[in-house]
């Protein structure tokens, strides 16, 4: 395979969401959460993580955590809400 194709595959795989007990996160989101004291493996569902993120954001403003929370809320709405 040529280098351009391999680079594109690597970029796509980096952006793919991985499942952590029904919580879909990118590697970047997981790293940001870890850097802010969140262990994604301790949560048994997405609502627990959303609750803890909301509490953390009430105490301290953090743009990265706010963006992750928004992403999780949107993903949860479109994938787990009966329409």
Protein backbone atom coordinates (compact mmCIF):
# COMPACT_ATOMS: atom_id res chain seq x y z
CA UNK A 1 0.00 0.00 0.00
CA UNK A 2 1.15 3.50 -0.65
CA UNK A 3 1.97 5.97 2.12
CA UNK A 4 -0.89 8.36 1.34
CA UNK A 5 -3.44 5.57 1.71
CA UNK A 6 -1.92 4.37 4.99
CA UNK A 7 -1.91 7.92 6.39
CA UNK A 8 -5.60 8.31 5.56
CA UNK A 9 -6.39 4.98 7.23
CA UNK A 10 -4.51 6.04 10.34
CA UNK A 11 -6.40 9.35 10.47
CA UNK A 12 -9.75 7.59 10.12
CA UNK A 13 -8.95 5.01 12.79
CA UNK A 14 -7.89 7.76 15.21
CA UNK A 15 -11.29 9.42 14.81
CA UNK A 16 -13.34 6.25 15.22
CA UNK A 17 -15.43 5.91 18.34
CA UNK A 18 -14.70 3.07 20.70
CA UNK A 19 -17.25 1.50 23.02
CA UNK A 20 -16.73 1.81 26.78
CA UNK A 21 -19.77 0.13 28.37
CA UNK A 22 -22.08 1.65 25.77
CA UNK A 23 -20.28 5.00 25.80
CA UNK A 24 -18.74 5.83 22.44
CA UNK A 25 -15.64 8.01 22.63
CA UNK A 26 -12.69 8.83 20.42
CA UNK A 27 -9.15 8.24 21.64
CA UNK A 28 -8.74 12.00 21.95
CA UNK A 29 -11.85 12.30 24.12
CA UNK A 30 -10.65 9.46 26.34
CA UNK A 31 -7.26 11.14 26.75
CA UNK A 32 -8.87 14.47 27.67
CA UNK A 33 -11.13 12.75 30.18
CA UNK A 34 -8.18 10.88 31.71
CA UNK A 35 -6.18 14.10 31.96
CA UNK A 36 -9.10 15.60 33.89
CA UNK A 37 -9.45 12.72 36.34
CA UNK A 38 -12.18 10.68 34.64
CA UNK A 39 -11.79 6.91 34.26
CA UNK A 40 -14.16 5.98 31.43
CA UNK A 41 -14.04 2.32 32.42
CA UNK A 42 -15.71 2.97 35.78
CA UNK A 43 -18.98 4.12 34.21
CA UNK A 44 -21.65 1.52 33.56
CA UNK A 45 -23.68 3.82 31.30
CA UNK A 46 -23.54 7.11 29.48
CA UNK A 47 -25.86 8.93 31.89
CA UNK A 48 -23.43 8.43 34.79
CA UNK A 49 -20.62 10.01 32.79
CA UNK A 50 -22.86 12.86 31.65
CA UNK A 51 -23.85 13.54 35.28
CA UNK A 52 -20.22 13.62 36.47
CA UNK A 53 -19.19 15.86 33.58
CA UNK A 54 -22.02 18.28 34.38
CA UNK A 55 -20.96 18.38 38.03
CA UNK A 56 -17.32 19.00 37.09
CA UNK A 57 -18.35 21.81 34.74
CA UNK A 58 -20.42 23.46 37.48
CA UNK A 59 -17.30 23.62 39.65
CA UNK A 60 -14.78 24.62 36.95
CA UNK A 61 -15.19 25.90 33.43
CA UNK A 62 -13.38 23.65 30.95
CA UNK A 63 -13.94 24.05 27.22
CA UNK A 64 -12.62 20.59 26.37
CA UNK A 65 -14.91 18.83 28.84
CA UNK A 66 -17.81 20.98 27.69
CA UNK A 67 -17.21 19.93 24.08
CA UNK A 68 -17.03 16.25 25.09
CA UNK A 69 -20.24 16.55 27.09
CA UNK A 70 -21.99 18.18 24.12
CA UNK A 71 -20.76 15.41 21.84
CA UNK A 72 -21.93 12.69 24.24
CA UNK A 73 -25.33 14.34 24.71
CA UNK A 74 -25.83 14.61 20.95
CA UNK A 75 -24.70 11.04 20.31
CA UNK A 76 -26.92 9.76 23.12
CA UNK A 77 -29.92 11.66 21.76
CA UNK A 78 -29.62 10.33 18.22
CA UNK A 79 -28.77 6.76 19.18
CA UNK A 80 -30.72 6.10 22.37
CA UNK A 81 -33.90 8.18 22.05
CA UNK A 82 -37.02 6.60 20.60
CA UNK A 83 -38.39 8.86 17.90
